[in-house]
Amino acid sequence: MRIASWLAATAASLFLEARNAQNVSDAAVETDAKRGPMLFMLFMTIDRLPHQDVWKSWMNSAGVGKVKAYVHCKNDCPSVDHSLFQEVNRVHTEYCIDLVNAMNALLHAAVQFPGSHPNDKFIFVSESHIPVKSFSHTFHQLTLSQTSDFCLFPRQEWLVHHSTSGLTYLGVKAHQWVVLSREHGEKASALARANVVNPWGIRIVHNGLLQSSTNLGSNVTMDATKVDGCVDEYWYFNALFGTPPEIGATSKISGLTDVDRLNLKSPEEQGRCDTYVHWIKPGATGRNGPIMHLTDRS
């Protein structure tokens, strides 16, 4: 069971007074090709947004041209305020097996919003999320960098595949609720549109069905039905960064917040955890990672 709520990037409890301002409009940004950075909130829901009023208040405190919200509904969602949450075309979804289709549908829509900025951020959230930091604080923290925020599980949760060549490849597992940079958002959207197969055989085909296996090189086959976890916990990291071979204790990586060398043996979480998720499975959150420190203070 996952208990999730939105948490801005710093661990300190700092709430800033919200400013009264108008929410972003498409027209306001369309006329300014050199706009500032924006937060693109990408909501996934079944048929409603139970905390819609909380999110509306949070986004209405933003300055003009700072936030845009999209929503993917599995079923009809008439109670959603479509003047604020733009609904994207509905695609097939299935818990754990195929949520990536919906995530990419949201991403496709957001990356096409008029204008762009290298510090834009694409933020995946669910219907159960709530913001616990002010918009101004969250905006400031997330737009400081041009990197993506991935909250990586401890090594024990990763996929491990042994090739006949003798090399061991690692399928890095990350929390679903990632924050993508402008560069990574566009790259992930392009890979999904091109129907690219990542090395672990996690492929989202155009008819919404999951192709469960493919070859890694010519020797290793991974069956997606045997993945320890859900496809959405693997797709983005491995599509964007690849599957590192287990050579040495660390692997150099670029484009991740707070990580320049990936620890291939860490029993702790790595990266930047923007969403509070406490897993009850022993060891899934490590002993000294950011989530455990937050839990200790709560």
C-alpha atoms as a PDB file:
ATOM      1  CA  MET A   1       0.000   0.000   0.000  1.00  0.00           C
ATOM      2  CA  ARG A   2       1.275   3.438  -0.870  1.00  0.00           C
ATOM      3  CA  ILE A   3       0.505   6.597   1.071  1.00  0.00           C
ATOM      4  CA  ALA A   4       1.380   9.590  -1.064  1.00  0.00           C
ATOM      5  CA  SER A   5       1.366  13.341  -0.717  1.00  0.00           C
ATOM      6  CA  TRP A   6       3.200  16.050  -2.640  1.00  0.00           C
ATOM      7  CA  LEU A   7       6.374  17.333  -1.011  1.00  0.00           C
ATOM      8  CA  ALA A   8       8.584  20.061  -2.479  1.00  0.00           C
ATOM      9  CA  ALA A   9      12.239  19.414  -2.972  1.00  0.00           C
ATOM     10  CA  THR A  10      13.761  20.431   0.352  1.00  0.00           C
ATOM     11  CA  ALA A  11      13.335  18.489   3.565  1.00  0.00           C
ATOM     12  CA  ALA A  12      12.902  21.635   5.713  1.00  0.00           C
ATOM     13  CA  SER A  13       9.348  22.624   6.607  1.00  0.00           C
ATOM     14  CA  LEU A  14       9.037  26.012   4.943  1.00  0.00           C
ATOM     15  CA  PHE A  15       5.648  27.391   3.906  1.00  0.00           C
ATOM     16  CA  LEU A  16       5.448  30.736   2.172  1.00  0.00           C
ATOM     17  CA  GLU A  17       2.390  32.921   2.061  1.00  0.00           C
ATOM     18  CA  ALA A  18       0.540  32.394  -1.194  1.00  0.00           C
ATOM     19  CA  ARG A  19       0.100  35.392  -3.470  1.00  0.00           C
ATOM     20  CA  ASN A  20      -3.235  36.213  -5.063  1.00  0.00           C
ATOM     21  CA  ALA A  21      -2.727  35.892  -8.783  1.00  0.00           C
ATOM     22  CA  GLN A  22      -4.411  34.635 -11.887  1.00  0.00           C
ATOM     23  CA  ASN A  23      -3.717  31.127 -13.163  1.00  0.00           C
ATOM     24  CA  VAL A  24      -1.842  30.721 -16.421  1.00  0.00           C
ATOM     25  CA  SER A  25      -3.757  30.950 -19.676  1.00  0.00           C
ATOM     26  CA  ASP A  26      -2.667  29.487 -22.978  1.00  0.00           C
ATOM     27  CA  ALA A  27      -2.966  32.902 -24.644  1.00  0.00           C
ATOM     28  CA  ALA A  28      -0.698  34.591 -22.111  1.00  0.00           C
ATOM     29  CA  VAL A  29       2.157  32.262 -22.947  1.00  0.00           C
ATOM     30  CA  GLU A  30       1.436  31.972 -26.632  1.00  0.00           C
ATOM     31  CA  THR A  31       2.310  35.629 -27.153  1.00  0.00           C
ATOM     32  CA  ASP A  32       5.635  35.316 -25.327  1.00  0.00           C
ATOM     33  CA  ALA A  33       8.075  32.964 -27.029  1.00  0.00           C
ATOM     34  CA  LYS A  34      10.685  33.801 -24.399  1.00  0.00           C
ATOM     35  CA  ARG A  35       8.548  32.840 -21.417  1.00  0.00           C
ATOM     36  CA  GLY A  36       9.933  31.842 -18.052  1.00  0.00           C
ATOM     37  CA  PRO A  37       9.971  28.311 -16.635  1.00  0.00           C
ATOM     38  CA  MET A  38       6.696  26.534 -15.946  1.00  0.00           C
ATOM     39  CA  LEU A  39       5.442  23.600 -13.901  1.00  0.00           C
ATOM     40  CA  PHE A  40       3.308  21.140 -15.863  1.00  0.00           C
ATOM     41  CA  MET A  41       1.134  19.147 -13.460  1.00  0.00           C
ATOM     42  CA  LEU A  42       0.243  15.774 -14.983  1.00  0.00           C
ATOM     43  CA  PHE A  43      -2.657  14.188 -13.086  1.00  0.00           C
ATOM     44  CA  MET A  44      -3.770  10.577 -13.398  1.00  0.00           C
ATOM     45  CA  THR A  45      -7.187   9.564 -12.124  1.00  0.00           C
ATOM     46  CA  ILE A  46      -9.955   7.021 -12.567  1.00  0.00           C
ATOM     47  CA  ASP A  47     -12.953   9.358 -12.692  1.00  0.00           C
ATOM     48  CA  ARG A  48     -12.442  12.338 -10.343  1.00  0.00           C
ATOM     49  CA  LEU A  49      -9.976  14.535  -8.493  1.00  0.00           C
ATOM     50  CA  PRO A  50     -10.996  14.296  -4.822  1.00  0.00           C
ATOM     51  CA  HIS A  51      -8.596  17.088  -3.794  1.00  0.00           C
ATOM     52  CA  GLN A  52      -9.454  19.346  -6.710  1.00  0.00           C
ATOM     53  CA  ASP A  53     -10.265  22.357  -4.526  1.00  0.00           C
ATOM     54  CA  VAL A  54      -6.905  22.079  -2.756  1.00  0.00           C
ATOM     55  CA  TRP A  55      -5.069  21.982  -6.073  1.00  0.00           C
ATOM     56  CA  LYS A  56      -7.135  24.862  -7.485  1.00  0.00           C
ATOM     57  CA  SER A  57      -6.206  27.040  -4.522  1.00  0.00           C
ATOM     58  CA  TRP A  58      -2.550  26.010  -4.852  1.00  0.00           C
ATOM     59  CA  MET A  59      -2.400  26.774  -8.580  1.00  0.00           C
ATOM     60  CA  ASN A  60      -4.406  29.979  -8.298  1.00  0.00           C
ATOM     61  CA  SER A  61      -1.680  31.330  -6.011  1.00  0.00           C
ATOM     62  CA  ALA A  62       0.781  31.125  -8.906  1.00  0.00           C
ATOM     63  CA  GLY A  63       1.851  34.059 -10.970  1.00  0.00           C
ATOM     64  CA  VAL A  64       0.659  34.321 -14.556  1.00  0.00           C
ATOM     65  CA  GLY A  65       2.459  31.904 -16.858  1.00  0.00           C
ATOM     66  CA  LYS A  66       3.850  29.569 -14.202  1.00  0.00           C
ATOM     67  CA  VAL A  67       1.653  26.455 -14.132  1.00  0.00           C
ATOM     68  CA  LYS A  68      -0.511  24.365 -16.431  1.00  0.00           C
ATOM     69  CA  ALA A  69      -2.474  21.264 -15.389  1.00  0.00           C
ATOM     70  CA  TYR A  70      -3.438  18.244 -17.479  1.00  0.00           C
ATOM     71  CA  VAL A  71      -5.478  15.213 -16.460  1.00  0.00           C
ATOM     72  CA  HIS A  72      -5.934  11.700 -17.843  1.00  0.00           C
ATOM     73  CA  CYS A  73      -9.186  10.038 -16.793  1.00  0.00           C
ATOM     74  CA  LYS A  74      -9.579   6.272 -17.104  1.00  0.00           C
ATOM     75  CA  ASN A  75     -13.357   6.746 -17.205  1.00  0.00           C
ATOM     76  CA  ASP A  76     -15.600   9.777 -17.644  1.00  0.00           C
ATOM     77  CA  CYS A  77     -14.797  12.459 -15.053  1.00  0.00           C
ATOM     78  CA  PRO A  78     -17.575  15.075 -15.262  1.00  0.00           C
ATOM     79  CA  SER A  79     -16.769  16.563 -11.844  1.00  0.00           C
ATOM     80  CA  VAL A  80     -13.292  17.671 -12.918  1.00  0.00           C
ATOM     81  CA  ASP A  81     -12.998  21.405 -13.587  1.00  0.00           C
ATOM     82  CA  HIS A  82     -11.925  21.283 -17.217  1.00  0.00           C
ATOM     83  CA  SER A  83     -11.331  25.011 -17.294  1.00  0.00           C
ATOM     84  CA  LEU A  84      -8.298  24.407 -15.084  1.00  0.00           C
ATOM     85  CA  PHE A  85      -7.439  20.742 -15.689  1.00  0.00           C
ATOM     86  CA  GLN A  86      -7.134  20.089 -19.404  1.00  0.00           C
ATOM     87  CA  GLU A  87      -8.207  16.536 -20.188  1.00  0.00           C
ATOM     88  CA  VAL A  88      -6.023  14.621 -22.643  1.00  0.00           C
ATOM     89  CA  ASN A  89      -7.163  11.931 -25.047  1.00  0.00           C
ATOM     90  CA  ARG A  90      -8.039   8.750 -23.184  1.00  0.00           C
ATOM     91  CA  VAL A  91      -5.836   5.700 -23.717  1.00  0.00           C
ATOM     92  CA  HIS A  92      -5.942   2.176 -22.341  1.00  0.00           C
ATOM     93  CA  THR A  93      -4.612   1.803 -18.791  1.00  0.00           C
ATOM     94  CA  GLU A  94      -4.182  -1.147 -16.474  1.00  0.00           C
ATOM     95  CA  TYR A  95      -2.820  -0.924 -12.960  1.00  0.00           C
ATOM     96  CA  CYS A  96       0.851  -1.888 -12.775  1.00  0.00           C
ATOM     97  CA  ILE A  97       0.893  -3.499 -16.235  1.00  0.00           C
ATOM     98  CA  ASP A  98       0.257  -0.378 -18.287  1.00  0.00           C
ATOM     99  CA  LEU A  99       0.061   3.070 -16.740  1.00  0.00           C
ATOM    100  CA  VAL A 100       2.892   4.353 -18.924  1.00  0.00           C
ATOM    101  CA  ASN A 101       0.516   4.860 -21.851  1.00  0.00           C
ATOM    102  CA  ALA A 102      -1.503   7.369 -19.833  1.00  0.00           C
ATOM    103  CA  MET A 103       1.624   9.024 -18.449  1.00  0.00           C
ATOM    104  CA  ASN A 104       2.976   9.480 -21.946  1.00  0.00           C
ATOM    105  CA  ALA A 105      -0.372  10.805 -23.195  1.00  0.00           C
ATOM    106  CA  LEU A 106      -0.091  13.515 -20.547  1.00  0.00           C
ATOM    107  CA  LEU A 107       3.535  14.156 -21.456  1.00  0.00           C
ATOM    108  CA  HIS A 108       2.765  14.393 -25.192  1.00  0.00           C
ATOM    109  CA  ALA A 109       0.188  17.104 -24.514  1.00  0.00           C
ATOM    110  CA  ALA A 110       2.376  19.066 -22.110  1.00  0.00           C
ATOM    111  CA  VAL A 111       5.512  19.216 -24.265  1.00  0.00           C
ATOM    112  CA  GLN A 112       3.435  20.748 -27.064  1.00  0.00           C
ATOM    113  CA  PHE A 113       2.329  23.691 -24.925  1.00  0.00           C
ATOM    114  CA  PRO A 114       3.399  26.920 -26.681  1.00  0.00           C
ATOM    115  CA  GLY A 115       6.935  28.021 -25.975  1.00  0.00           C
ATOM    116  CA  SER A 116       9.548  26.197 -23.927  1.00  0.00           C
ATOM    117  CA  HIS A 117      12.135  26.878 -21.258  1.00  0.00           C
ATOM    118  CA  PRO A 118      15.107  24.664 -20.277  1.00  0.00           C
ATOM    119  CA  ASN A 119      13.962  24.831 -16.638  1.00  0.00           C
ATOM    120  CA  ASP A 120      10.426  23.617 -17.320  1.00  0.00           C
ATOM    121  CA  LYS A 121       9.387  20.638 -15.190  1.00  0.00           C
ATOM    122  CA  PHE A 122       6.846  17.893 -15.936  1.00  0.00           C
ATOM    123  CA  ILE A 123       5.402  16.536 -12.695  1.00  0.00           C
ATOM    124  CA  PHE A 124       3.441  13.285 -12.515  1.00  0.00           C
ATOM    125  CA  VAL A 125       0.839  13.161  -9.737  1.00  0.00           C
ATOM    126  CA  SER A 126      -2.116  10.943  -8.877  1.00  0.00           C
ATOM    127  CA  GLU A 127      -5.642  11.720  -7.742  1.00  0.00           C
ATOM    128  CA  SER A 128      -4.580  11.001  -4.134  1.00  0.00           C
ATOM    129  CA  HIS A 129      -1.760  13.571  -4.045  1.00  0.00           C
ATOM    130  CA  ILE A 130      -2.045  16.822  -2.121  1.00  0.00           C
ATOM    131  CA  PRO A 131       0.429  19.732  -2.022  1.00  0.00           C
ATOM    132  CA  VAL A 132       2.034  20.294   1.379  1.00  0.00           C
ATOM    133  CA  LYS A 133       4.318  23.154   0.357  1.00  0.00           C
ATOM    134  CA  SER A 134       3.289  26.495  -1.082  1.00  0.00           C
ATOM    135  CA  PHE A 135       3.329  26.979  -4.835  1.00  0.00           C
ATOM    136  CA  SER A 136       6.015  29.648  -4.602  1.00  0.00           C
ATOM    137  CA  HIS A 137       8.326  27.375  -2.608  1.00  0.00           C
ATOM    138  CA  THR A 138       7.710  24.390  -4.894  1.00  0.00           C
ATOM    139  CA  PHE A 139       8.169  26.456  -8.048  1.00  0.00           C
ATOM    140  CA  HIS A 140      11.423  27.944  -6.772  1.00  0.00           C
ATOM    141  CA  GLN A 141      12.891  24.578  -5.788  1.00  0.00           C
ATOM    142  CA  LEU A 142      11.915  22.700  -8.932  1.00  0.00           C
ATOM    143  CA  THR A 143      12.939  25.366 -11.453  1.00  0.00           C
ATOM    144  CA  LEU A 144      16.393  25.942  -9.970  1.00  0.00           C
ATOM    145  CA  SER A 145      17.902  23.233 -12.167  1.00  0.00           C
ATOM    146  CA  GLN A 146      17.624  21.625 -15.584  1.00  0.00           C
ATOM    147  CA  THR A 147      17.787  18.094 -14.170  1.00  0.00           C
ATOM    148  CA  SER A 148      15.134  15.456 -13.486  1.00  0.00           C
ATOM    149  CA  ASP A 149      14.076  14.247 -10.050  1.00  0.00           C
ATOM    150  CA  PHE A 150      13.997  10.458  -9.715  1.00  0.00           C
ATOM    151  CA  CYS A 151      13.539   8.732  -6.364  1.00  0.00           C
ATOM    152  CA  LEU A 152      15.443   5.475  -6.854  1.00  0.00           C
ATOM    153  CA  PHE A 153      14.689   2.380  -4.849  1.00  0.00           C
ATOM    154  CA  PRO A 154      17.466   0.575  -2.944  1.00  0.00           C
ATOM    155  CA  ARG A 155      19.457  -1.874  -5.071  1.00  0.00           C
ATOM    156  CA  GLN A 156      17.561  -4.892  -3.702  1.00  0.00           C
ATOM    157  CA  GLU A 157      14.504  -3.693  -5.643  1.00  0.00           C
ATOM    158  CA  TRP A 158      16.263  -3.447  -9.019  1.00  0.00           C
ATOM    159  CA  LEU A 159      16.087  -5.952 -11.848  1.00  0.00           C
ATOM    160  CA  VAL A 160      19.203  -8.033 -12.365  1.00  0.00           C
ATOM    161  CA  HIS A 161      19.955  -9.884 -15.585  1.00  0.00           C
ATOM    162  CA  HIS A 162      23.005 -12.025 -16.254  1.00  0.00           C
ATOM    163  CA  SER A 163      24.006 -12.161 -19.917  1.00  0.00           C
ATOM    164  CA  THR A 164      25.820 -15.067 -21.530  1.00  0.00           C
ATOM    165  CA  SER A 165      28.729 -12.690 -22.128  1.00  0.00           C
ATOM    166  CA  GLY A 166      29.298 -12.642 -18.379  1.00  0.00           C
ATOM    167  CA  LEU A 167      28.096  -9.083 -17.813  1.00  0.00           C
ATOM    168  CA  THR A 168      25.330  -8.296 -15.329  1.00  0.00           C
ATOM    169  CA  TYR A 169      22.890  -5.568 -16.352  1.00  0.00           C
ATOM    170  CA  LEU A 170      20.787  -3.601 -13.893  1.00  0.00           C
ATOM    171  CA  GLY A 171      17.234  -2.420 -14.452  1.00  0.00           C
ATOM    172  CA  VAL A 172      17.046   0.562 -12.103  1.00  0.00           C
ATOM    173  CA  LYS A 173      13.703   0.895 -10.307  1.00  0.00           C
ATOM    174  CA  ALA A 174      12.299   4.330  -9.436  1.00  0.00           C
ATOM    175  CA  HIS A 175       9.140   5.643  -7.807  1.00  0.00           C
ATOM    176  CA  GLN A 176       6.430   6.304 -10.378  1.00  0.00           C
ATOM    177  CA  TRP A 177       5.969   9.965  -9.472  1.00  0.00           C
ATOM    178  CA  VAL A 178       8.993  11.409 -11.242  1.00  0.00           C
ATOM    179  CA  VAL A 179       9.693  15.023 -12.177  1.00  0.00           C
ATOM    180  CA  LEU A 180      11.115  15.319 -15.679  1.00  0.00           C
ATOM    181  CA  SER A 181      13.210  18.175 -17.027  1.00  0.00           C
ATOM    182  CA  ARG A 182      12.344  19.836 -20.337  1.00  0.00           C
ATOM    183  CA  GLU A 183      15.081  17.814 -22.065  1.00  0.00           C
ATOM    184  CA  HIS A 184      13.947  14.498 -20.582  1.00  0.00           C
ATOM    185  CA  GLY A 185      10.271  15.257 -21.085  1.00  0.00           C
ATOM    186  CA  GLU A 186      10.782  15.822 -24.788  1.00  0.00           C
ATOM    187  CA  LYS A 187      13.068  12.793 -25.096  1.00  0.00           C
ATOM    188  CA  ALA A 188      10.636  10.445 -23.320  1.00  0.00           C
ATOM    189  CA  SER A 189       7.745  11.741 -25.418  1.00  0.00           C
ATOM    190  CA  ALA A 190       9.722  11.208 -28.633  1.00  0.00           C
ATOM    191  CA  LEU A 191      10.775   7.681 -27.613  1.00  0.00           C
ATOM    192  CA  ALA A 192       7.185   6.749 -26.817  1.00  0.00           C
ATOM    193  CA  ARG A 193       5.888   8.189 -30.083  1.00  0.00           C
ATOM    194  CA  ALA A 194       8.565   6.332 -32.028  1.00  0.00           C
ATOM    195  CA  ASN A 195       7.528   3.120 -30.263  1.00  0.00           C
ATOM    196  CA  VAL A 196      11.101   2.520 -29.163  1.00  0.00           C
ATOM    197  CA  VAL A 197      11.787  -0.711 -27.310  1.00  0.00           C
ATOM    198  CA  ASN A 198      14.010  -0.214 -24.286  1.00  0.00           C
ATOM    199  CA  PRO A 199      16.614  -2.866 -23.449  1.00  0.00           C
ATOM    200  CA  TRP A 200      14.368  -4.624 -20.920  1.00  0.00           C
ATOM    201  CA  GLY A 201      11.581  -5.283 -23.355  1.00  0.00           C
ATOM    202  CA  ILE A 202       9.122  -2.832 -21.820  1.00  0.00           C
ATOM    203  CA  ARG A 203       7.375  -1.572 -24.892  1.00  0.00           C
ATOM    204  CA  ILE A 204       4.127   0.355 -25.104  1.00  0.00           C
ATOM    205  CA  VAL A 205       2.583  -0.368 -28.490  1.00  0.00           C
ATOM    206  CA  HIS A 206       0.157   1.914 -30.279  1.00  0.00           C
ATOM    207  CA  ASN A 207      -2.950  -0.193 -29.622  1.00  0.00           C
ATOM    208  CA  GLY A 208      -2.417   0.149 -25.880  1.00  0.00           C
ATOM    209  CA  LEU A 209      -1.244  -3.414 -25.270  1.00  0.00           C
ATOM    210  CA  LEU A 210       2.027  -4.300 -23.601  1.00  0.00           C
ATOM    211  CA  GLN A 211       4.522  -6.316 -25.606  1.00  0.00           C
ATOM    212  CA  SER A 212       5.951  -8.403 -22.816  1.00  0.00           C
ATOM    213  CA  SER A 213       9.365  -9.463 -24.043  1.00  0.00           C
ATOM    214  CA  THR A 214      12.206  -8.684 -26.410  1.00  0.00           C
ATOM    215  CA  ASN A 215      15.908  -9.342 -26.691  1.00  0.00           C
ATOM    216  CA  LEU A 216      18.699  -7.597 -24.806  1.00  0.00           C
ATOM    217  CA  GLY A 217      21.416  -7.810 -27.412  1.00  0.00           C
ATOM    218  CA  SER A 218      21.064 -11.351 -28.762  1.00  0.00           C
ATOM    219  CA  ASN A 219      21.362 -13.328 -25.566  1.00  0.00           C
ATOM    220  CA  VAL A 220      19.057 -12.132 -22.810  1.00  0.00           C
ATOM    221  CA  THR A 221      15.274 -12.033 -22.813  1.00  0.00           C
ATOM    222  CA  MET A 222      13.195 -10.312 -20.139  1.00  0.00           C
ATOM    223  CA  ASP A 223       9.558 -11.208 -19.653  1.00  0.00           C
ATOM    224  CA  ALA A 224       7.685  -8.126 -18.409  1.00  0.00           C
ATOM    225  CA  THR A 225       5.192 -10.337 -16.588  1.00  0.00           C
ATOM    226  CA  LYS A 226       8.020 -11.363 -14.253  1.00  0.00           C
ATOM    227  CA  VAL A 227       9.128  -7.842 -13.368  1.00  0.00           C
ATOM    228  CA  ASP A 228       9.478  -7.248  -9.619  1.00  0.00           C
ATOM    229  CA  GLY A 229       7.331  -4.142  -9.523  1.00  0.00           C
ATOM    230  CA  CYS A 230       5.310  -2.244 -12.111  1.00  0.00           C
ATOM    231  CA  VAL A 231       6.270  -1.188 -15.614  1.00  0.00           C
ATOM    232  CA  ASP A 232       5.910   2.500 -14.720  1.00  0.00           C
ATOM    233  CA  GLU A 233       8.626   2.075 -12.079  1.00  0.00           C
ATOM    234  CA  TYR A 234      11.146   1.076 -14.756  1.00  0.00           C
ATOM    235  CA  TRP A 235      10.139   2.669 -18.035  1.00  0.00           C
ATOM    236  CA  TYR A 236      11.287   6.276 -17.629  1.00  0.00           C
ATOM    237  CA  PHE A 237      14.668   5.735 -16.029  1.00  0.00           C
ATOM    238  CA  ASN A 238      15.676   2.903 -18.337  1.00  0.00           C
ATOM    239  CA  ALA A 239      14.320   4.591 -21.463  1.00  0.00           C
ATOM    240  CA  LEU A 240      16.191   7.822 -20.673  1.00  0.00           C
ATOM    241  CA  PHE A 241      19.403   6.515 -19.105  1.00  0.00           C
ATOM    242  CA  GLY A 242      19.678   2.901 -20.220  1.00  0.00           C
ATOM    243  CA  THR A 243      20.497  -0.182 -18.171  1.00  0.00           C
ATOM    244  CA  PRO A 244      23.971   0.098 -16.633  1.00  0.00           C
ATOM    245  CA  PRO A 245      26.263  -2.910 -16.564  1.00  0.00           C
ATOM    246  CA  GLU A 246      27.393  -3.833 -13.086  1.00  0.00           C
ATOM    247  CA  ILE A 247      31.041  -2.887 -13.464  1.00  0.00           C
ATOM    248  CA  GLY A 248      32.514  -1.454 -10.298  1.00  0.00           C
ATOM    249  CA  ALA A 249      30.570   0.097  -7.442  1.00  0.00           C
ATOM    250  CA  THR A 250      29.355   3.252  -9.214  1.00  0.00           C
ATOM    251  CA  SER A 251      28.368   4.430 -12.676  1.00  0.00           C
ATOM    252  CA  LYS A 252      28.633   8.002 -13.959  1.00  0.00           C
ATOM    253  CA  ILE A 253      25.316   9.567 -14.861  1.00  0.00           C
ATOM    254  CA  SER A 254      24.231  13.061 -15.901  1.00  0.00           C
ATOM    255  CA  GLY A 255      20.909  14.845 -15.835  1.00  0.00           C
ATOM    256  CA  LEU A 256      19.702  13.574 -12.430  1.00  0.00           C
ATOM    257  CA  THR A 257      19.187  15.881  -9.463  1.00  0.00           C
ATOM    258  CA  ASP A 258      21.547  15.085  -6.571  1.00  0.00           C
ATOM    259  CA  VAL A 259      23.193  12.174  -8.393  1.00  0.00           C
ATOM    260  CA  ASP A 260      26.321  12.371 -10.550  1.00  0.00           C
ATOM    261  CA  ARG A 261      27.465   8.835  -9.841  1.00  0.00           C
ATOM    262  CA  LEU A 262      24.887   6.069  -9.494  1.00  0.00           C
ATOM    263  CA  ASN A 263      25.693   3.763  -6.590  1.00  0.00           C
ATOM    264  CA  LEU A 264      25.172   0.270  -8.023  1.00  0.00           C
ATOM    265  CA  LYS A 265      25.160  -1.428  -4.632  1.00  0.00           C
ATOM    266  CA  SER A 266      23.360   1.049  -2.374  1.00  0.00           C
ATOM    267  CA  PRO A 267      20.929  -0.349   0.232  1.00  0.00           C
ATOM    268  CA  GLU A 268      19.428   3.168   0.431  1.00  0.00           C
ATOM    269  CA  GLU A 269      17.289   5.323  -1.805  1.00  0.00           C
ATOM    270  CA  GLN A 270      19.123   7.656  -4.167  1.00  0.00           C
ATOM    271  CA  GLY A 271      18.164  10.817  -6.000  1.00  0.00           C
ATOM    272  CA  ARG A 272      15.581  13.465  -5.163  1.00  0.00           C
ATOM    273  CA  CYS A 273      12.296  12.275  -3.644  1.00  0.00           C
ATOM    274  CA  ASP A 274       9.680  14.968  -4.239  1.00  0.00           C
ATOM    275  CA  THR A 275       6.723  12.777  -3.383  1.00  0.00           C
ATOM    276  CA  TYR A 276       6.326  11.250   0.056  1.00  0.00           C
ATOM    277  CA  VAL A 277       5.764   7.526  -0.382  1.00  0.00           C
ATOM    278  CA  HIS A 278       6.344   5.157   2.525  1.00  0.00           C
ATOM    279  CA  TRP A 279       6.506   1.497   1.512  1.00  0.00           C
ATOM    280  CA  ILE A 280       5.621  -1.136   4.088  1.00  0.00           C
ATOM    281  CA  LYS A 281       7.758  -3.760   2.352  1.00  0.00           C
ATOM    282  CA  PRO A 282      10.916  -4.250   4.484  1.00  0.00           C
ATOM    283  CA  GLY A 283      13.960  -2.542   2.970  1.00  0.00           C
ATOM    284  CA  ALA A 284      12.063  -0.877   0.122  1.00  0.00           C
ATOM    285  CA  THR A 285      12.816   2.591   1.501  1.00  0.00           C
ATOM    286  CA  GLY A 286      16.194   1.755   3.044  1.00  0.00           C
ATOM    287  CA  ARG A 287      17.195   2.808   6.535  1.00  0.00           C
ATOM    288  CA  ASN A 288      18.762   6.246   6.055  1.00  0.00           C
ATOM    289  CA  GLY A 289      17.186   7.606   2.888  1.00  0.00           C
ATOM    290  CA  PRO A 290      15.215  10.863   2.590  1.00  0.00           C
ATOM    291  CA  ILE A 291      11.846   9.194   3.175  1.00  0.00           C
ATOM    292  CA  MET A 292      12.979   7.581   6.410  1.00  0.00           C
ATOM    293  CA  HIS A 293      14.352  10.905   7.692  1.00  0.00           C
ATOM    294  CA  LEU A 294      10.987  12.518   6.921  1.00  0.00           C
ATOM    295  CA  THR A 295       9.141   9.666   8.661  1.00  0.00           C
ATOM    296  CA  ASP A 296      11.327  10.069  11.759  1.00  0.00           C
ATOM    297  CA  ARG A 297      10.285  13.737  12.059  1.00  0.00           C
ATOM    298  CA  SER A 298       6.578  13.187  11.512  1.00  0.00           C
END
